[in-house]
Structure formats: structure tokens, C-alpha cells
Amino acid sequence: MKKIEEAAGELYRQHYPTPSVICAFCEGAAFAQQWYDVNDVLPELKEYCESDLVIVKSDKGSIIFARYCYNECESKFYWDLKSDYHATITHWRPISIE
């Protein structure tokens, strides 16, 4: 697998006239790979009191798919981990950036 800098360099040499394209590509790739700390920000809740599907990291080092949800009956927020996995979620990131 290529590193971000290698891919940016190839694109620059093939298609673009200025080195600033490499910087823009690297910054965009870094932004797309950004992890959010759950103590700072949580996914936005949408219809049916749940977020879009996101990628999460746990305190055990696992990376899985999940949704952040709110249970109105219990007045409680929680992570729907789509599995029988028990861990504390520490970070998340969107699957796609619009």
C-alpha cells in the first residue's frame, strides 16, 4: 500500500504543474483520516435518534462499525456496536465525508 506522500507525488508528476497540489492532497487525506475523541465530540443524531454508521476505536484497540444512539424510554445515550462486543469506545470517525 502506498503512503499518502507517495500517492501525492505520483499525482503531481502525472497531472499537475505546482507542488502545492501535493500539500493539498496530503491535507485532504489527513482530514479524511481524522479520529474524534468521544469526550470532545460525538456523531450527530439523525432520524430515529441514531447517527449514521461510523467507525469506532475501543479502549482495547479494536476498530469496528457502530452507531451512536439515544434511547428515549430510558433517557440514555449508547453505542450500538452491531455485535456482542463489550468495550469502551474512545474515538470515532465518519465513513464518508460529504
PDB file of N, CA and C in Angstrom:
ATOM      1  N   MET A   1       0.840  -1.177   0.000  1.00  0.00           N
ATOM      2  CA  MET A   1       0.000   0.000   0.000  1.00  0.00           C
ATOM      3  C   MET A   1       0.889   1.246   0.000  1.00  0.00           C
ATOM      4  N   LYS A   2       0.544   2.225  -0.807  1.00  0.00           N
ATOM      5  CA  LYS A   2       1.318   3.452  -0.921  1.00  0.00           C
ATOM      6  C   LYS A   2       1.056   4.358   0.277  1.00  0.00           C
ATOM      7  N   LYS A   3       2.082   5.116   0.634  1.00  0.00           N
ATOM      8  CA  LYS A   3       1.899   6.153   1.636  1.00  0.00           C
ATOM      9  C   LYS A   3       1.248   7.356   0.957  1.00  0.00           C
ATOM     10  N   ILE A   4       0.619   8.199   1.752  1.00  0.00           N
ATOM     11  CA  ILE A   4      -0.071   9.376   1.224  1.00  0.00           C
ATOM     12  C   ILE A   4       0.895  10.247   0.413  1.00  0.00           C
ATOM     13  N   GLU A   5       2.112  10.446   0.929  1.00  0.00           N
ATOM     14  CA  GLU A   5       3.081  11.297   0.240  1.00  0.00           C
ATOM     15  C   GLU A   5       3.462  10.713  -1.122  1.00  0.00           C
ATOM     16  N   GLU A   6       3.588   9.384  -1.222  1.00  0.00           N
ATOM     17  CA  GLU A   6       3.928   8.737  -2.489  1.00  0.00           C
ATOM     18  C   GLU A   6       2.818   8.933  -3.513  1.00  0.00           C
ATOM     19  N   ALA A   7       1.573   8.730  -3.080  1.00  0.00           N
ATOM     20  CA  ALA A   7       0.443   8.908  -3.990  1.00  0.00           C
ATOM     21  C   ALA A   7       0.341  10.355  -4.455  1.00  0.00           C
ATOM     22  N   ALA A   8       0.565  11.298  -3.533  1.00  0.00           N
ATOM     23  CA  ALA A   8       0.513  12.714  -3.895  1.00  0.00           C
ATOM     24  C   ALA A   8       1.598  13.054  -4.905  1.00  0.00           C
ATOM     25  N   GLY A   9       2.800  12.525  -4.703  1.00  0.00           N
ATOM     26  CA  GLY A   9       3.900  12.772  -5.629  1.00  0.00           C
ATOM     27  C   GLY A   9       3.611  12.232  -7.021  1.00  0.00           C
ATOM     28  N   GLU A  10       3.019  11.047  -7.097  1.00  0.00           N
ATOM     29  CA  GLU A  10       2.659  10.465  -8.397  1.00  0.00           C
ATOM     30  C   GLU A  10       1.625  11.318  -9.112  1.00  0.00           C
ATOM     31  N   LEU A  11       0.596  11.752  -8.378  1.00  0.00           N
ATOM     32  CA  LEU A  11      -0.419  12.610  -8.998  1.00  0.00           C
ATOM     33  C   LEU A  11       0.197  13.909  -9.496  1.00  0.00           C
ATOM     34  N   TYR A  12       1.073  14.472  -8.700  1.00  0.00           N
ATOM     35  CA  TYR A  12       1.720  15.719  -9.101  1.00  0.00           C
ATOM     36  C   TYR A  12       2.502  15.538 -10.398  1.00  0.00           C
ATOM     37  N   ARG A  13       3.329  14.510 -10.457  1.00  0.00           N
ATOM     38  CA  ARG A  13       4.152  14.286 -11.641  1.00  0.00           C
ATOM     39  C   ARG A  13       3.314  13.977 -12.876  1.00  0.00           C
ATOM     40  N   GLN A  14       2.163  13.332 -12.695  1.00  0.00           N
ATOM     41  CA  GLN A  14       1.338  12.931 -13.835  1.00  0.00           C
ATOM     42  C   GLN A  14       0.426  14.043 -14.338  1.00  0.00           C
ATOM     43  N   HIS A  15      -0.093  14.883 -13.437  1.00  0.00           N
ATOM     44  CA  HIS A  15      -1.194  15.756 -13.853  1.00  0.00           C
ATOM     45  C   HIS A  15      -1.074  17.247 -13.535  1.00  0.00           C
ATOM     46  N   TYR A  16      -0.296  17.624 -12.558  1.00  0.00           N
ATOM     47  CA  TYR A  16      -0.415  18.999 -12.077  1.00  0.00           C
ATOM     48  C   TYR A  16       0.905  19.763 -12.170  1.00  0.00           C
ATOM     49  N   PRO A  17       0.828  21.084 -12.353  1.00  0.00           N
ATOM     50  CA  PRO A  17       2.023  21.886 -12.545  1.00  0.00           C
ATOM     51  C   PRO A  17       2.692  22.427 -11.274  1.00  0.00           C
ATOM     52  N   THR A  18       2.048  22.359 -10.110  1.00  0.00           N
ATOM     53  CA  THR A  18       2.639  23.000  -8.925  1.00  0.00           C
ATOM     54  C   THR A  18       2.729  22.047  -7.738  1.00  0.00           C
ATOM     55  N   PRO A  19       3.786  22.214  -6.920  1.00  0.00           N
ATOM     56  CA  PRO A  19       3.938  21.364  -5.735  1.00  0.00           C
ATOM     57  C   PRO A  19       2.847  21.582  -4.686  1.00  0.00           C
ATOM     58  N   SER A  20       2.118  22.697  -4.753  1.00  0.00           N
ATOM     59  CA  SER A  20       1.069  22.941  -3.758  1.00  0.00           C
ATOM     60  C   SER A  20      -0.017  21.870  -3.814  1.00  0.00           C
ATOM     61  N   VAL A  21      -0.134  21.192  -4.955  1.00  0.00           N
ATOM     62  CA  VAL A  21      -1.114  20.114  -5.081  1.00  0.00           C
ATOM     63  C   VAL A  21      -0.770  18.979  -4.118  1.00  0.00           C
ATOM     64  N   ILE A  22       0.529  18.697  -3.953  1.00  0.00           N
ATOM     65  CA  ILE A  22       0.946  17.648  -3.019  1.00  0.00           C
ATOM     66  C   ILE A  22       0.482  18.001  -1.612  1.00  0.00           C
ATOM     67  N   CYS A  23       0.702  19.233  -1.204  1.00  0.00           N
ATOM     68  CA  CYS A  23       0.280  19.671   0.136  1.00  0.00           C
ATOM     69  C   CYS A  23      -1.232  19.567   0.298  1.00  0.00           C
ATOM     70  N   ALA A  24      -1.976  20.009  -0.701  1.00  0.00           N
ATOM     71  CA  ALA A  24      -3.437  19.954  -0.636  1.00  0.00           C
ATOM     72  C   ALA A  24      -3.919  18.511  -0.551  1.00  0.00           C
ATOM     73  N   PHE A  25      -3.312  17.628  -1.331  1.00  0.00           N
ATOM     74  CA  PHE A  25      -3.684  16.219  -1.304  1.00  0.00           C
ATOM     75  C   PHE A  25      -3.417  15.620   0.069  1.00  0.00           C
ATOM     76  N   CYS A  26      -2.227  15.877   0.629  1.00  0.00           N
ATOM     77  CA  CYS A  26      -1.869  15.338   1.943  1.00  0.00           C
ATOM     78  C   CYS A  26      -2.784  15.872   3.037  1.00  0.00           C
ATOM     79  N   GLU A  27      -3.098  17.164   2.988  1.00  0.00           N
ATOM     80  CA  GLU A  27      -4.001  17.744   3.977  1.00  0.00           C
ATOM     81  C   GLU A  27      -5.398  17.143   3.875  1.00  0.00           C
ATOM     82  N   GLY A  28      -5.870  16.935   2.653  1.00  0.00           N
ATOM     83  CA  GLY A  28      -7.189  16.325   2.464  1.00  0.00           C
ATOM     84  C   GLY A  28      -7.224  14.895   2.963  1.00  0.00           C
ATOM     85  N   ALA A  29      -6.173  14.142   2.673  1.00  0.00           N
ATOM     86  CA  ALA A  29      -6.109  12.751   3.135  1.00  0.00           C
ATOM     87  C   ALA A  29      -6.019  12.699   4.658  1.00  0.00           C
ATOM     88  N   ALA A  30      -5.248  13.576   5.265  1.00  0.00           N
ATOM     89  CA  ALA A  30      -5.136  13.602   6.727  1.00  0.00           C
ATOM     90  C   ALA A  30      -6.477  13.954   7.355  1.00  0.00           C
ATOM     91  N   PHE A  31      -7.191  14.917   6.760  1.00  0.00           N
ATOM     92  CA  PHE A  31      -8.511  15.277   7.278  1.00  0.00           C
ATOM     93  C   PHE A  31      -9.469  14.095   7.206  1.00  0.00           C
ATOM     94  N   ALA A  32      -9.421  13.346   6.098  1.00  0.00           N
ATOM     95  CA  ALA A  32     -10.322  12.206   5.913  1.00  0.00           C
ATOM     96  C   ALA A  32     -10.035  11.090   6.908  1.00  0.00           C
ATOM     97  N   GLN A  33      -8.821  11.051   7.441  1.00  0.00           N
ATOM     98  CA  GLN A  33      -8.449  10.012   8.389  1.00  0.00           C
ATOM     99  C   GLN A  33      -8.524  10.487   9.841  1.00  0.00           C
ATOM    100  N   GLN A  34      -9.093  11.626  10.070  1.00  0.00           N
ATOM    101  CA  GLN A  34      -9.159  12.235  11.396  1.00  0.00           C
ATOM    102  C   GLN A  34     -10.064  11.439  12.339  1.00  0.00           C
ATOM    103  N   TRP A  35      -9.570  11.161  13.532  1.00  0.00           N
ATOM    104  CA  TRP A  35     -10.354  10.499  14.577  1.00  0.00           C
ATOM    105  C   TRP A  35     -10.815  11.547  15.574  1.00  0.00           C
ATOM    106  N   TYR A  36     -12.067  11.430  16.034  1.00  0.00           N
ATOM    107  CA  TYR A  36     -12.623  12.338  17.028  1.00  0.00           C
ATOM    108  C   TYR A  36     -12.675  11.651  18.381  1.00  0.00           C
ATOM    109  N   ASP A  37     -12.209  12.331  19.403  1.00  0.00           N
ATOM    110  CA  ASP A  37     -12.283  11.824  20.765  1.00  0.00           C
ATOM    111  C   ASP A  37     -13.733  11.952  21.238  1.00  0.00           C
ATOM    112  N   VAL A  38     -14.286  10.887  21.804  1.00  0.00           N
ATOM    113  CA  VAL A  38     -15.694  10.918  22.224  1.00  0.00           C
ATOM    114  C   VAL A  38     -15.923  11.895  23.375  1.00  0.00           C
ATOM    115  N   ASN A  39     -14.862  12.318  24.059  1.00  0.00           N
ATOM    116  CA  ASN A  39     -15.001  13.315  25.125  1.00  0.00           C
ATOM    117  C   ASN A  39     -15.113  14.728  24.561  1.00  0.00           C
ATOM    118  N   ASP A  40     -14.745  14.892  23.284  1.00  0.00           N
ATOM    119  CA  ASP A  40     -14.793  16.210  22.649  1.00  0.00           C
ATOM    120  C   ASP A  40     -16.016  16.400  21.763  1.00  0.00           C
ATOM    121  N   VAL A  41     -16.351  15.384  20.970  1.00  0.00           N
ATOM    122  CA  VAL A  41     -17.475  15.498  20.033  1.00  0.00           C
ATOM    123  C   VAL A  41     -18.024  14.101  19.736  1.00  0.00           C
ATOM    124  N   LEU A  42     -19.325  14.043  19.541  1.00  0.00           N
ATOM    125  CA  LEU A  42     -19.990  12.769  19.222  1.00  0.00           C
ATOM    126  C   LEU A  42     -20.722  12.898  17.895  1.00  0.00           C
ATOM    127  N   PRO A  43     -20.998  11.786  17.227  1.00  0.00           N
ATOM    128  CA  PRO A  43     -21.728  11.857  15.956  1.00  0.00           C
ATOM    129  C   PRO A  43     -23.107  12.496  16.145  1.00  0.00           C
ATOM    130  N   GLU A  44     -23.543  13.207  15.127  1.00  0.00           N
ATOM    131  CA  GLU A  44     -24.858  13.851  15.151  1.00  0.00           C
ATOM    132  C   GLU A  44     -25.957  12.796  15.066  1.00  0.00           C
ATOM    133  N   LEU A  45     -26.956  12.936  15.925  1.00  0.00           N
ATOM    134  CA  LEU A  45     -28.099  12.026  15.871  1.00  0.00           C
ATOM    135  C   LEU A  45     -29.028  12.476  14.760  1.00  0.00           C
ATOM    136  N   LYS A  46     -29.522  11.519  14.017  1.00  0.00           N
ATOM    137  CA  LYS A  46     -30.419  11.808  12.898  1.00  0.00           C
ATOM    138  C   LYS A  46     -31.788  11.178  13.169  1.00  0.00           C
ATOM    139  N   GLU A  47     -32.452  10.779  12.121  1.00  0.00           N
ATOM    140  CA  GLU A  47     -33.766  10.154  12.235  1.00  0.00           C
ATOM    141  C   GLU A  47     -33.709   8.929  13.148  1.00  0.00           C
ATOM    142  N   TYR A  48     -34.750   8.702  13.900  1.00  0.00           N
ATOM    143  CA  TYR A  48     -34.871   7.574  14.830  1.00  0.00           C
ATOM    144  C   TYR A  48     -33.831   7.634  15.952  1.00  0.00           C
ATOM    145  N   CYS A  49     -33.325   8.826  16.255  1.00  0.00           N
ATOM    146  CA  CYS A  49     -32.390   9.038  17.365  1.00  0.00           C
ATOM    147  C   CYS A  49     -31.125   8.210  17.263  1.00  0.00           C
ATOM    148  N   GLU A  50     -30.582   8.090  16.043  1.00  0.00           N
ATOM    149  CA  GLU A  50     -29.319   7.399  15.877  1.00  0.00           C
ATOM    150  C   GLU A  50     -28.474   8.114  14.828  1.00  0.00           C
ATOM    151  N   SER A  51     -27.166   7.934  14.926  1.00  0.00           N
ATOM    152  CA  SER A  51     -26.259   8.568  13.975  1.00  0.00           C
ATOM    153  C   SER A  51     -26.130   7.716  12.721  1.00  0.00           C
ATOM    154  N   ASP A  52     -25.457   8.277  11.727  1.00  0.00           N
ATOM    155  CA  ASP A  52     -25.045   7.464  10.590  1.00  0.00           C
ATOM    156  C   ASP A  52     -24.061   6.421  11.103  1.00  0.00           C
ATOM    157  N   LEU A  53     -23.835   5.386  10.332  1.00  0.00           N
ATOM    158  CA  LEU A  53     -22.851   4.376  10.684  1.00  0.00           C
ATOM    159  C   LEU A  53     -21.460   5.019  10.644  1.00  0.00           C
ATOM    160  N   VAL A  54     -20.674   4.796  11.694  1.00  0.00           N
ATOM    161  CA  VAL A  54     -19.326   5.357  11.795  1.00  0.00           C
ATOM    162  C   VAL A  54     -18.340   4.239  12.139  1.00  0.00           C
ATOM    163  N   ILE A  55     -17.059   4.557  12.074  1.00  0.00           N
ATOM    164  CA  ILE A  55     -16.010   3.633  12.501  1.00  0.00           C
ATOM    165  C   ILE A  55     -15.594   4.066  13.902  1.00  0.00           C
ATOM    166  N   VAL A  56     -15.462   3.116  14.828  1.00  0.00           N
ATOM    167  CA  VAL A  56     -15.076   3.454  16.199  1.00  0.00           C
ATOM    168  C   VAL A  56     -13.847   2.655  16.629  1.00  0.00           C
ATOM    169  N   LYS A  57     -13.091   3.253  17.564  1.00  0.00           N
ATOM    170  CA  LYS A  57     -11.962   2.584  18.218  1.00  0.00           C
ATOM    171  C   LYS A  57     -12.344   2.360  19.668  1.00  0.00           C
ATOM    172  N   SER A  58     -11.925   1.226  20.207  1.00  0.00           N
ATOM    173  CA  SER A  58     -12.220   0.948  21.611  1.00  0.00           C
ATOM    174  C   SER A  58     -10.970   1.082  22.462  1.00  0.00           C
ATOM    175  N   ASP A  59     -11.177   1.051  23.778  1.00  0.00           N
ATOM    176  CA  ASP A  59     -10.060   1.092  24.712  1.00  0.00           C
ATOM    177  C   ASP A  59      -9.206  -0.173  24.619  1.00  0.00           C
ATOM    178  N   LYS A  60      -9.714  -1.201  23.962  1.00  0.00           N
ATOM    179  CA  LYS A  60      -8.969  -2.450  23.768  1.00  0.00           C
ATOM    180  C   LYS A  60      -8.205  -2.471  22.447  1.00  0.00           C
ATOM    181  N   GLY A  61      -8.321  -1.382  21.659  1.00  0.00           N
ATOM    182  CA  GLY A  61      -7.603  -1.287  20.402  1.00  0.00           C
ATOM    183  C   GLY A  61      -8.358  -1.802  19.190  1.00  0.00           C
ATOM    184  N   SER A  62      -9.559  -2.277  19.373  1.00  0.00           N
ATOM    185  CA  SER A  62     -10.356  -2.784  18.258  1.00  0.00           C
ATOM    186  C   SER A  62     -10.952  -1.640  17.457  1.00  0.00           C
ATOM    187  N   ILE A  63     -11.167  -1.891  16.166  1.00  0.00           N
ATOM    188  CA  ILE A  63     -11.829  -0.930  15.284  1.00  0.00           C
ATOM    189  C   ILE A  63     -13.018  -1.645  14.665  1.00  0.00           C
ATOM    190  N   ILE A  64     -14.226  -1.096  14.886  1.00  0.00           N
ATOM    191  CA  ILE A  64     -15.454  -1.723  14.401  1.00  0.00           C
ATOM    192  C   ILE A  64     -16.433  -0.648  13.928  1.00  0.00           C
ATOM    193  N   PHE A  65     -17.529  -1.080  13.311  1.00  0.00           N
ATOM    194  CA  PHE A  65     -18.600  -0.177  12.894  1.00  0.00           C
ATOM    195  C   PHE A  65     -19.612  -0.039  14.023  1.00  0.00           C
ATOM    196  N   ALA A  66     -20.204   1.154  14.134  1.00  0.00           N
ATOM    197  CA  ALA A  66     -21.206   1.381  15.178  1.00  0.00           C
ATOM    198  C   ALA A  66     -22.065   2.589  14.818  1.00  0.00           C
ATOM    199  N   ARG A  67     -23.137   2.735  15.560  1.00  0.00           N
ATOM    200  CA  ARG A  67     -23.982   3.934  15.504  1.00  0.00           C
ATOM    201  C   ARG A  67     -24.095   4.478  16.922  1.00  0.00           C
ATOM    202  N   TYR A  68     -24.125   5.796  17.041  1.00  0.00           N
ATOM    203  CA  TYR A  68     -24.369   6.431  18.331  1.00  0.00           C
ATOM    204  C   TYR A  68     -25.869   6.657  18.423  1.00  0.00           C
ATOM    205  N   CYS A  69     -26.486   6.267  19.530  1.00  0.00           N
ATOM    206  CA  CYS A  69     -27.949   6.278  19.636  1.00  0.00           C
ATOM    207  C   CYS A  69     -28.426   6.892  20.949  1.00  0.00           C
ATOM    208  N   TYR A  70     -29.709   7.220  20.951  1.00  0.00           N
ATOM    209  CA  TYR A  70     -30.371   7.715  22.150  1.00  0.00           C
ATOM    210  C   TYR A  70     -31.640   6.914  22.366  1.00  0.00           C
ATOM    211  N   ASN A  71     -31.783   6.327  23.546  1.00  0.00           N
ATOM    212  CA  ASN A  71     -32.976   5.571  23.910  1.00  0.00           C
ATOM    213  C   ASN A  71     -33.903   6.510  24.680  1.00  0.00           C
ATOM    214  N   GLU A  72     -34.995   6.926  24.051  1.00  0.00           N
ATOM    215  CA  GLU A  72     -35.912   7.884  24.671  1.00  0.00           C
ATOM    216  C   GLU A  72     -36.593   7.319  25.918  1.00  0.00           C
ATOM    217  N   CYS A  73     -36.905   6.035  25.912  1.00  0.00           N
ATOM    218  CA  CYS A  73     -37.582   5.426  27.059  1.00  0.00           C
ATOM    219  C   CYS A  73     -36.717   5.457  28.319  1.00  0.00           C
ATOM    220  N   GLU A  74     -35.434   5.222  28.145  1.00  0.00           N
ATOM    221  CA  GLU A  74     -34.514   5.194  29.279  1.00  0.00           C
ATOM    222  C   GLU A  74     -33.739   6.499  29.444  1.00  0.00           C
ATOM    223  N   SER A  75     -33.957   7.462  28.537  1.00  0.00           N
ATOM    224  CA  SER A  75     -33.214   8.730  28.534  1.00  0.00           C
ATOM    225  C   SER A  75     -31.714   8.463  28.620  1.00  0.00           C
ATOM    226  N   LYS A  76     -31.231   7.643  27.695  1.00  0.00           N
ATOM    227  CA  LYS A  76     -29.845   7.186  27.763  1.00  0.00           C
ATOM    228  C   LYS A  76     -29.204   7.163  26.368  1.00  0.00           C
ATOM    229  N   PHE A  77     -27.960   7.662  26.292  1.00  0.00           N
ATOM    230  CA  PHE A  77     -27.166   7.579  25.068  1.00  0.00           C
ATOM    231  C   PHE A  77     -26.331   6.306  25.120  1.00  0.00           C
ATOM    232  N   TYR A  78     -26.072   5.693  23.949  1.00  0.00           N
ATOM    233  CA  TYR A  78     -25.269   4.472  23.912  1.00  0.00           C
ATOM    234  C   TYR A  78     -24.725   4.236  22.509  1.00  0.00           C
ATOM    235  N   TRP A  79     -23.730   3.349  22.410  1.00  0.00           N
ATOM    236  CA  TRP A  79     -23.172   2.929  21.126  1.00  0.00           C
ATOM    237  C   TRP A  79     -23.795   1.606  20.741  1.00  0.00           C
ATOM    238  N   ASP A  80     -24.405   1.541  19.561  1.00  0.00           N
ATOM    239  CA  ASP A  80     -24.927   0.285  19.014  1.00  0.00           C
ATOM    240  C   ASP A  80     -23.788  -0.308  18.196  1.00  0.00           C
ATOM    241  N   LEU A  81     -23.153  -1.336  18.744  1.00  0.00           N
ATOM    242  CA  LEU A  81     -21.931  -1.876  18.166  1.00  0.00           C
ATOM    243  C   LEU A  81     -22.152  -2.956  17.122  1.00  0.00           C
ATOM    244  N   LYS A  82     -23.372  -3.314  16.830  1.00  0.00           N
ATOM    245  CA  LYS A  82     -23.682  -4.312  15.793  1.00  0.00           C
ATOM    246  C   LYS A  82     -22.989  -5.655  16.050  1.00  0.00           C
ATOM    247  N   SER A  83     -22.682  -5.919  17.293  1.00  0.00           N
ATOM    248  CA  SER A  83     -22.055  -7.190  17.651  1.00  0.00           C
ATOM    249  C   SER A  83     -22.204  -7.385  19.154  1.00  0.00           C
ATOM    250  N   ASP A  84     -21.746  -8.506  19.643  1.00  0.00           N
ATOM    251  CA  ASP A  84     -21.783  -8.787  21.068  1.00  0.00           C
ATOM    252  C   ASP A  84     -20.450  -8.379  21.695  1.00  0.00           C
ATOM    253  N   TYR A  85     -19.980  -7.221  21.335  1.00  0.00           N
ATOM    254  CA  TYR A  85     -18.670  -6.729  21.739  1.00  0.00           C
ATOM    255  C   TYR A  85     -18.825  -5.789  22.924  1.00  0.00           C
ATOM    256  N   HIS A  86     -18.033  -5.997  23.958  1.00  0.00           N
ATOM    257  CA  HIS A  86     -18.126  -5.148  25.152  1.00  0.00           C
ATOM    258  C   HIS A  86     -16.798  -4.432  25.381  1.00  0.00           C
ATOM    259  N   ALA A  87     -16.798  -3.133  25.162  1.00  0.00           N
ATOM    260  CA  ALA A  87     -15.618  -2.308  25.375  1.00  0.00           C
ATOM    261  C   ALA A  87     -16.066  -0.856  25.474  1.00  0.00           C
ATOM    262  N   THR A  88     -15.168  -0.008  25.902  1.00  0.00           N
ATOM    263  CA  THR A  88     -15.444   1.422  25.971  1.00  0.00           C
ATOM    264  C   THR A  88     -14.964   2.072  24.680  1.00  0.00           C
ATOM    265  N   ILE A  89     -15.852   2.801  24.021  1.00  0.00           N
ATOM    266  CA  ILE A  89     -15.499   3.494  22.788  1.00  0.00           C
ATOM    267  C   ILE A  89     -14.753   4.772  23.143  1.00  0.00           C
ATOM    268  N   THR A  90     -13.581   4.976  22.527  1.00  0.00           N
ATOM    269  CA  THR A  90     -12.762   6.148  22.830  1.00  0.00           C
ATOM    270  C   THR A  90     -12.712   7.162  21.690  1.00  0.00           C
ATOM    271  N   HIS A  91     -12.809   6.681  20.446  1.00  0.00           N
ATOM    272  CA  HIS A  91     -12.706   7.573  19.287  1.00  0.00           C
ATOM    273  C   HIS A  91     -13.652   7.082  18.181  1.00  0.00           C
ATOM    274  N   TRP A  92     -13.982   7.999  17.270  1.00  0.00           N
ATOM    275  CA  TRP A  92     -14.837   7.647  16.129  1.00  0.00           C
ATOM    276  C   TRP A  92     -14.445   8.535  14.949  1.00  0.00           C
ATOM    277  N   ARG A  93     -14.862   8.086  13.763  1.00  0.00           N
ATOM    278  CA  ARG A  93     -14.728   8.915  12.561  1.00  0.00           C
ATOM    279  C   ARG A  93     -15.798   8.529  11.560  1.00  0.00           C
ATOM    280  N   PRO A  94     -16.202   9.492  10.720  1.00  0.00           N
ATOM    281  CA  PRO A  94     -17.214   9.180   9.710  1.00  0.00           C
ATOM    282  C   PRO A  94     -16.657   8.225   8.666  1.00  0.00           C
ATOM    283  N   ILE A  95     -17.547   7.516   8.022  1.00  0.00           N
ATOM    284  CA  ILE A  95     -17.129   6.601   6.961  1.00  0.00           C
ATOM    285  C   ILE A  95     -16.915   7.362   5.662  1.00  0.00           C
ATOM    286  N   SER A  96     -17.738   8.360   5.407  1.00  0.00           N
ATOM    287  CA  SER A  96     -17.563   9.169   4.204  1.00  0.00           C
ATOM    288  C   SER A  96     -17.700  10.638   4.580  1.00  0.00           C
ATOM    289  N   ILE A  97     -17.022  11.469   3.822  1.00  0.00           N
ATOM    290  CA  ILE A  97     -17.074  12.912   4.064  1.00  0.00           C
ATOM    291  C   ILE A  97     -17.803  13.538   2.892  1.00  0.00           C
ATOM    292  N   GLU A  98     -18.818  14.313   3.195  1.00  0.00           N
ATOM    293  CA  GLU A  98     -19.607  14.946   2.143  1.00  0.00           C
ATOM    294  C   GLU A  98     -19.213  16.387   1.978  1.00  0.00           C
TER     295      GLU A  98
END
